[in-house]
PDB file of all heavy atoms in Angstrom:
ATOM      1  N   LEU A   1      38.732 -75.832-238.780  1.00  0.00           N
ATOM      2  CA  LEU A   1      39.187 -74.571-239.172  1.00  0.00           C
ATOM      3  C   LEU A   1      40.729 -74.345-239.091  1.00  0.00           C
ATOM      4  O   LEU A   1      41.379 -74.911-238.183  1.00  0.00           O
ATOM      5  CB  LEU A   1      38.642 -73.465-238.256  1.00  0.00           C
ATOM      6  CG  LEU A   1      36.971 -73.481-238.251  1.00  0.00           C
ATOM      7  CD1 LEU A   1      36.510 -72.497-237.227  1.00  0.00           C
ATOM      8  CD2 LEU A   1      36.613 -73.041-239.707  1.00  0.00           C
ATOM      9  N   SER A   2      41.346 -73.594-239.988  1.00  0.00           N
ATOM     10  CA  SER A   2      42.767 -73.295-239.937  1.00  0.00           C
ATOM     11  C   SER A   2      42.992 -72.036-239.260  1.00  0.00           C
ATOM     12  O   SER A   2      42.301 -71.084-239.432  1.00  0.00           O
ATOM     13  CB  SER A   2      43.252 -73.360-241.443  1.00  0.00           C
ATOM     14  OG  SER A   2      43.073 -74.516-242.107  1.00  0.00           O
ATOM     15  N   LYS A   3      44.105 -71.984-238.552  1.00  0.00           N
ATOM     16  CA  LYS A   3      44.507 -70.719-238.023  1.00  0.00           C
ATOM     17  C   LYS A   3      45.251 -69.914-238.996  1.00  0.00           C
ATOM     18  O   LYS A   3      45.873 -70.461-239.919  1.00  0.00           O
ATOM     19  CB  LYS A   3      45.577 -71.037-236.867  1.00  0.00           C
ATOM     20  CG  LYS A   3      44.948 -71.771-235.705  1.00  0.00           C
ATOM     21  CD  LYS A   3      46.029 -72.057-234.632  1.00  0.00           C
ATOM     22  CE  LYS A   3      45.448 -72.922-233.490  1.00  0.00           C
ATOM     23  NZ  LYS A   3      46.407 -73.152-232.518  1.00  0.00           N
ATOM     24  N   PRO A   4      45.225 -68.583-239.012  1.00  0.00           N
ATOM     25  CA  PRO A   4      44.340 -67.784-237.981  1.00  0.00           C
ATOM     26  C   PRO A   4      42.942 -68.035-238.283  1.00  0.00           C
ATOM     27  O   PRO A   4      42.470 -68.032-239.502  1.00  0.00           O
ATOM     28  CB  PRO A   4      44.821 -66.430-238.173  1.00  0.00           C
ATOM     29  CG  PRO A   4      45.415 -66.338-239.589  1.00  0.00           C
ATOM     30  CD  PRO A   4      45.917 -67.688-239.876  1.00  0.00           C
ATOM     31  N   VAL A   5      42.152 -68.164-237.259  1.00  0.00           N
ATOM     32  CA  VAL A   5      40.697 -68.487-237.495  1.00  0.00           C
ATOM     33  C   VAL A   5      39.974 -67.084-237.791  1.00  0.00           C
ATOM     34  O   VAL A   5      40.137 -66.167-237.049  1.00  0.00           O
ATOM     35  CB  VAL A   5      40.057 -69.176-236.183  1.00  0.00           C
ATOM     36  CG1 VAL A   5      38.617 -69.280-236.354  1.00  0.00           C
ATOM     37  CG2 VAL A   5      40.726 -70.476-236.044  1.00  0.00           C
ATOM     38  N   ASP A   6      39.065 -67.217-238.849  1.00  0.00           N
ATOM     39  CA  ASP A   6      38.279 -65.990-239.076  1.00  0.00           C
ATOM     40  C   ASP A   6      37.196 -65.946-238.180  1.00  0.00           C
ATOM     41  O   ASP A   6      36.535 -66.973-237.891  1.00  0.00           O
ATOM     42  CB  ASP A   6      37.778 -66.142-240.531  1.00  0.00           C
ATOM     43  CG  ASP A   6      36.868 -64.978-240.985  1.00  0.00           C
ATOM     44  OD1 ASP A   6      37.305 -63.904-241.270  1.00  0.00           O
ATOM     45  OD2 ASP A   6      35.585 -65.195-240.775  1.00  0.00           O
ATOM     46  N   ASP A   7      36.941 -64.749-237.529  1.00  0.00           N
ATOM     47  CA  ASP A   7      35.869 -64.658-236.582  1.00  0.00           C
ATOM     48  C   ASP A   7      34.538 -65.091-237.046  1.00  0.00           C
ATOM     49  O   ASP A   7      33.773 -65.726-236.352  1.00  0.00           O
ATOM     50  CB  ASP A   7      35.763 -63.096-236.045  1.00  0.00           C
ATOM     51  CG  ASP A   7      36.944 -62.791-235.281  1.00  0.00           C
ATOM     52  OD1 ASP A   7      37.890 -63.565-235.009  1.00  0.00           O
ATOM     53  OD2 ASP A   7      37.128 -61.514-234.806  1.00  0.00           O
ATOM     54  N   GLY A   8      34.166 -64.702-238.282  1.00  0.00           N
ATOM     55  CA  GLY A   8      33.001 -65.004-238.894  1.00  0.00           C
ATOM     56  C   GLY A   8      32.720 -66.555-239.023  1.00  0.00           C
ATOM     57  O   GLY A   8      31.720 -67.108-238.822  1.00  0.00           O
ATOM     58  N   ASP A   9      33.864 -67.221-239.478  1.00  0.00           N
ATOM     59  CA  ASP A   9      33.807 -68.710-239.673  1.00  0.00           C
ATOM     60  C   ASP A   9      33.579 -69.323-238.332  1.00  0.00           C
ATOM     61  O   ASP A   9      32.846 -70.304-238.147  1.00  0.00           O
ATOM     62  CB  ASP A   9      35.097 -69.148-240.188  1.00  0.00           C
ATOM     63  CG  ASP A   9      35.243 -68.787-241.707  1.00  0.00           C
ATOM     64  OD1 ASP A   9      34.272 -68.507-242.405  1.00  0.00           O
ATOM     65  OD2 ASP A   9      36.382 -68.910-242.189  1.00  0.00           O
ATOM     66  N   LEU A  10      34.238 -68.864-237.266  1.00  0.00           N
ATOM     67  CA  LEU A  10      34.074 -69.440-235.888  1.00  0.00           C
ATOM     68  C   LEU A  10      32.630 -69.216-235.411  1.00  0.00           C
ATOM     69  O   LEU A  10      32.003 -70.152-234.965  1.00  0.00           O
ATOM     70  CB  LEU A  10      35.047 -68.898-234.926  1.00  0.00           C
ATOM     71  CG  LEU A  10      34.956 -69.413-233.508  1.00  0.00           C
ATOM     72  CD1 LEU A  10      35.209 -70.999-233.514  1.00  0.00           C
ATOM     73  CD2 LEU A  10      35.947 -68.744-232.578  1.00  0.00           C
ATOM     74  N   GLU A  11      32.183 -68.071-235.637  1.00  0.00           N
ATOM     75  CA  GLU A  11      30.674 -67.798-235.196  1.00  0.00           C
ATOM     76  C   GLU A  11      29.723 -68.626-235.997  1.00  0.00           C
ATOM     77  O   GLU A  11      28.923 -69.230-235.359  1.00  0.00           O
ATOM     78  CB  GLU A  11      30.407 -66.305-235.406  1.00  0.00           C
ATOM     79  CG  GLU A  11      29.052 -65.934-234.864  1.00  0.00           C
ATOM     80  CD  GLU A  11      28.668 -64.467-234.953  1.00  0.00           C
ATOM     81  OE1 GLU A  11      29.552 -63.697-235.587  1.00  0.00           O
ATOM     82  OE2 GLU A  11      27.742 -64.079-234.584  1.00  0.00           O
ATOM     83  N   ARG A  12      29.980 -68.836-237.252  1.00  0.00           N
ATOM     84  CA  ARG A  12      29.079 -69.712-238.077  1.00  0.00           C
ATOM     85  C   ARG A  12      29.089 -71.124-237.503  1.00  0.00           C
ATOM     86  O   ARG A  12      28.147 -71.872-237.471  1.00  0.00           O
ATOM     87  CB  ARG A  12      29.509 -69.614-239.549  1.00  0.00           C
ATOM     88  CG  ARG A  12      28.719 -70.501-240.474  1.00  0.00           C
ATOM     89  CD  ARG A  12      29.206 -70.318-241.917  1.00  0.00           C
ATOM     90  NE  ARG A  12      30.663 -70.330-242.113  1.00  0.00           N
ATOM     91  CZ  ARG A  12      31.382 -71.387-242.379  1.00  0.00           C
ATOM     92  NH1 ARG A  12      30.747 -72.600-242.508  1.00  0.00           N
ATOM     93  NH2 ARG A  12      32.670 -71.371-242.498  1.00  0.00           N
ATOM     94  N   CYS A  13      30.362 -71.676-237.287  1.00  0.00           N
ATOM     95  CA  CYS A  13      30.635 -72.952-236.781  1.00  0.00           C
ATOM     96  C   CYS A  13      29.982 -73.223-235.400  1.00  0.00           C
ATOM     97  O   CYS A  13      29.318 -74.183-235.112  1.00  0.00           O
ATOM     98  CB  CYS A  13      32.041 -73.281-236.694  1.00  0.00           C
ATOM     99  SG  CYS A  13      32.865 -73.607-238.312  1.00  0.00           S
ATOM    100  N   LEU A  14      30.025 -72.141-234.553  1.00  0.00           N
ATOM    101  CA  LEU A  14      29.395 -72.266-233.192  1.00  0.00           C
ATOM    102  C   LEU A  14      27.922 -72.261-233.304  1.00  0.00           C
ATOM    103  O   LEU A  14      27.265 -73.160-232.679  1.00  0.00           O
ATOM    104  CB  LEU A  14      29.750 -71.127-232.323  1.00  0.00           C
ATOM    105  CG  LEU A  14      31.161 -71.067-231.694  1.00  0.00           C
ATOM    106  CD1 LEU A  14      31.562 -69.735-231.158  1.00  0.00           C
ATOM    107  CD2 LEU A  14      31.202 -72.157-230.641  1.00  0.00           C
ATOM    108  N   ARG A  15      27.293 -71.491-234.194  1.00  0.00           N
ATOM    109  CA  ARG A  15      25.864 -71.528-234.364  1.00  0.00           C
ATOM    110  C   ARG A  15      25.441 -73.006-234.870  1.00  0.00           C
ATOM    111  O   ARG A  15      24.503 -73.546-234.452  1.00  0.00           O
ATOM    112  CB  ARG A  15      25.482 -70.429-235.473  1.00  0.00           C
ATOM    113  CG  ARG A  15      25.244 -69.149-234.715  1.00  0.00           C
ATOM    114  CD  ARG A  15      24.421 -68.228-235.686  1.00  0.00           C
ATOM    115  NE  ARG A  15      24.873 -68.186-236.994  1.00  0.00           N
ATOM    116  CZ  ARG A  15      25.753 -67.256-237.444  1.00  0.00           C
ATOM    117  NH1 ARG A  15      26.186 -66.263-236.692  1.00  0.00           N
ATOM    118  NH2 ARG A  15      26.145 -67.354-238.744  1.00  0.00           N
ATOM    119  N   SER A  16      26.184 -73.468-235.800  1.00  0.00           N
ATOM    120  CA  SER A  16      25.924 -74.758-236.449  1.00  0.00           C
ATOM    121  C   SER A  16      25.975 -75.809-235.299  1.00  0.00           C
ATOM    122  O   SER A  16      25.137 -76.711-235.152  1.00  0.00           O
ATOM    123  CB  SER A  16      26.809 -74.998-237.648  1.00  0.00           C
ATOM    124  OG  SER A  16      26.450 -76.389-238.093  1.00  0.00           O
ATOM    125  N   ALA A  17      26.961 -75.854-234.568  1.00  0.00           N
ATOM    126  CA  ALA A  17      27.256 -76.801-233.508  1.00  0.00           C
ATOM    127  C   ALA A  17      26.139 -76.670-232.456  1.00  0.00           C
ATOM    128  O   ALA A  17      25.652 -77.871-232.060  1.00  0.00           O
ATOM    129  CB  ALA A  17      28.617 -76.533-232.843  1.00  0.00           C
ATOM    130  N   LEU A  18      25.798 -75.528-232.101  1.00  0.00           N
ATOM    131  CA  LEU A  18      24.761 -75.409-231.024  1.00  0.00           C
ATOM    132  C   LEU A  18      23.368 -75.618-231.486  1.00  0.00           C
ATOM    133  O   LEU A  18      22.504 -75.955-230.707  1.00  0.00           O
ATOM    134  CB  LEU A  18      24.985 -74.027-230.321  1.00  0.00           C
ATOM    135  CG  LEU A  18      26.364 -73.869-229.558  1.00  0.00           C
ATOM    136  CD1 LEU A  18      26.500 -72.463-229.167  1.00  0.00           C
ATOM    137  CD2 LEU A  18      26.353 -74.925-228.461  1.00  0.00           C
ATOM    138  N   ASN A  19      23.018 -75.387-232.734  1.00  0.00           N
ATOM    139  CA  ASN A  19      21.817 -75.545-233.218  1.00  0.00           C
ATOM    140  C   ASN A  19      21.482 -77.006-233.772  1.00  0.00           C
ATOM    141  O   ASN A  19      20.360 -77.489-233.565  1.00  0.00           O
ATOM    142  CB  ASN A  19      21.453 -74.546-234.459  1.00  0.00           C
ATOM    143  CG  ASN A  19      21.518 -73.244-233.884  1.00  0.00           C
ATOM    144  OD1 ASN A  19      20.965 -72.844-232.812  1.00  0.00           O
ATOM    145  ND2 ASN A  19      21.844 -72.276-234.752  1.00  0.00           N
ATOM    146  N   SER A  20      22.398 -77.563-234.340  1.00  0.00           N
ATOM    147  CA  SER A  20      22.094 -78.922-234.959  1.00  0.00           C
ATOM    148  C   SER A  20      23.185 -79.911-234.752  1.00  0.00           C
ATOM    149  O   SER A  20      23.003 -81.124-234.779  1.00  0.00           O
ATOM    150  CB  SER A  20      21.865 -78.800-236.510  1.00  0.00           C
ATOM    151  OG  SER A  20      23.060 -78.524-237.116  1.00  0.00           O
ATOM    152  N   GLY A  21      24.419 -79.524-234.602  1.00  0.00           N
ATOM    153  CA  GLY A  21      25.503 -80.395-234.415  1.00  0.00           C
ATOM    154  C   GLY A  21      25.899 -80.978-235.700  1.00  0.00           C
ATOM    155  O   GLY A  21      26.851 -81.945-235.766  1.00  0.00           O
ATOM    156  N   LYS A  22      25.284 -80.590-236.821  1.00  0.00           N
ATOM    157  CA  LYS A  22      25.652 -81.117-238.073  1.00  0.00           C
ATOM    158  C   LYS A  22      26.903 -80.468-238.679  1.00  0.00           C
ATOM    159  O   LYS A  22      27.067 -79.311-238.513  1.00  0.00           O
ATOM    160  CB  LYS A  22      24.420 -80.993-239.057  1.00  0.00           C
ATOM    161  CG  LYS A  22      23.273 -81.835-238.732  1.00  0.00           C
ATOM    162  CD  LYS A  22      22.122 -81.619-239.684  1.00  0.00           C
ATOM    163  CE  LYS A  22      20.911 -82.466-239.285  1.00  0.00           C
ATOM    164  NZ  LYS A  22      19.826 -82.175-240.161  1.00  0.00           N
ATOM    165  N   PRO A  23      27.736 -81.141-239.438  1.00  0.00           N
ATOM    166  CA  PRO A  23      28.866 -80.615-239.913  1.00  0.00           C
ATOM    167  C   PRO A  23      28.523 -79.436-240.974  1.00  0.00           C
ATOM    168  O   PRO A  23      27.536 -79.523-241.690  1.00  0.00           O
ATOM    169  CB  PRO A  23      29.582 -81.787-240.877  1.00  0.00           C
ATOM    170  CG  PRO A  23      29.087 -82.984-240.091  1.00  0.00           C
ATOM    171  CD  PRO A  23      27.670 -82.627-239.624  1.00  0.00           C
ATOM    172  N   VAL A  24      29.337 -78.411-240.854  1.00  0.00           N
ATOM    173  CA  VAL A  24      29.132 -77.312-241.827  1.00  0.00           C
ATOM    174  C   VAL A  24      29.845 -77.675-243.140  1.00  0.00           C
ATOM    175  O   VAL A  24      31.014 -78.164-243.137  1.00  0.00           O
ATOM    176  CB  VAL A  24      29.812 -75.977-241.205  1.00  0.00           C
ATOM    177  CG1 VAL A  24      29.755 -74.932-242.264  1.00  0.00           C
ATOM    178  CG2 VAL A  24      29.102 -75.623-239.966  1.00  0.00           C
ATOM    179  N   GLU A  25      29.199 -77.501-244.287  1.00  0.00           N
ATOM    180  CA  GLU A  25      29.659 -77.976-245.594  1.00  0.00           C
ATOM    181  C   GLU A  25      31.006 -77.339-245.888  1.00  0.00           C
ATOM    182  O   GLU A  25      31.870 -77.995-246.445  1.00  0.00           O
ATOM    183  CB  GLU A  25      28.616 -77.539-246.686  1.00  0.00           C
ATOM    184  CG  GLU A  25      27.450 -78.397-246.613  1.00  0.00           C
ATOM    185  CD  GLU A  25      27.636 -79.919-246.914  1.00  0.00           C
ATOM    186  OE1 GLU A  25      28.436 -80.191-247.687  1.00  0.00           O
ATOM    187  OE2 GLU A  25      27.017 -80.723-246.240  1.00  0.00           O
ATOM    188  N   GLU A  26      31.162 -76.014-245.793  1.00  0.00           N
ATOM    189  CA  GLU A  26      32.364 -75.308-246.267  1.00  0.00           C
ATOM    190  C   GLU A  26      33.340 -75.145-245.146  1.00  0.00           C
ATOM    191  O   GLU A  26      33.634 -73.996-244.691  1.00  0.00           O
ATOM    192  CB  GLU A  26      31.937 -74.004-246.787  1.00  0.00           C
ATOM    193  CG  GLU A  26      31.029 -74.083-247.950  1.00  0.00           C
ATOM    194  CD  GLU A  26      30.446 -72.803-248.456  1.00  0.00           C
ATOM    195  OE1 GLU A  26      30.980 -71.775-248.014  1.00  0.00           O
ATOM    196  OE2 GLU A  26      29.577 -72.847-249.239  1.00  0.00           O
ATOM    197  N   ASN A  27      34.031 -76.182-244.641  1.00  0.00           N
ATOM    198  CA  ASN A  27      35.077 -76.037-243.615  1.00  0.00           C
ATOM    199  C   ASN A  27      36.339 -75.958-244.430  1.00  0.00           C
ATOM    200  O   ASN A  27      36.545 -76.644-245.391  1.00  0.00           O
ATOM    201  CB  ASN A  27      35.119 -77.274-242.701  1.00  0.00           C
ATOM    202  CG  ASN A  27      33.881 -77.376-241.990  1.00  0.00           C
ATOM    203  OD1 ASN A  27      33.496 -76.560-241.076  1.00  0.00           O
ATOM    204  ND2 ASN A  27      33.053 -78.460-242.177  1.00  0.00           N
ATOM    205  N   SER A  28      37.357 -75.186-243.819  1.00  0.00           N
ATOM    206  CA  SER A  28      38.653 -75.150-244.416  1.00  0.00           C
ATOM    207  C   SER A  28      39.750 -75.351-243.484  1.00  0.00           C
ATOM    208  O   SER A  28      39.538 -75.346-242.315  1.00  0.00           O
ATOM    209  CB  SER A  28      38.887 -73.727-245.078  1.00  0.00           C
ATOM    210  OG  SER A  28      38.549 -72.700-244.161  1.00  0.00           O
TER     211      SER A  28
END
């Protein structure tokens, strides 16, 4: 993620990391 980090993007990444650990397709 690029700064400034969007809260929604961070939350989505956290959910992905904690649920599956698989990379999120739409990272910026």
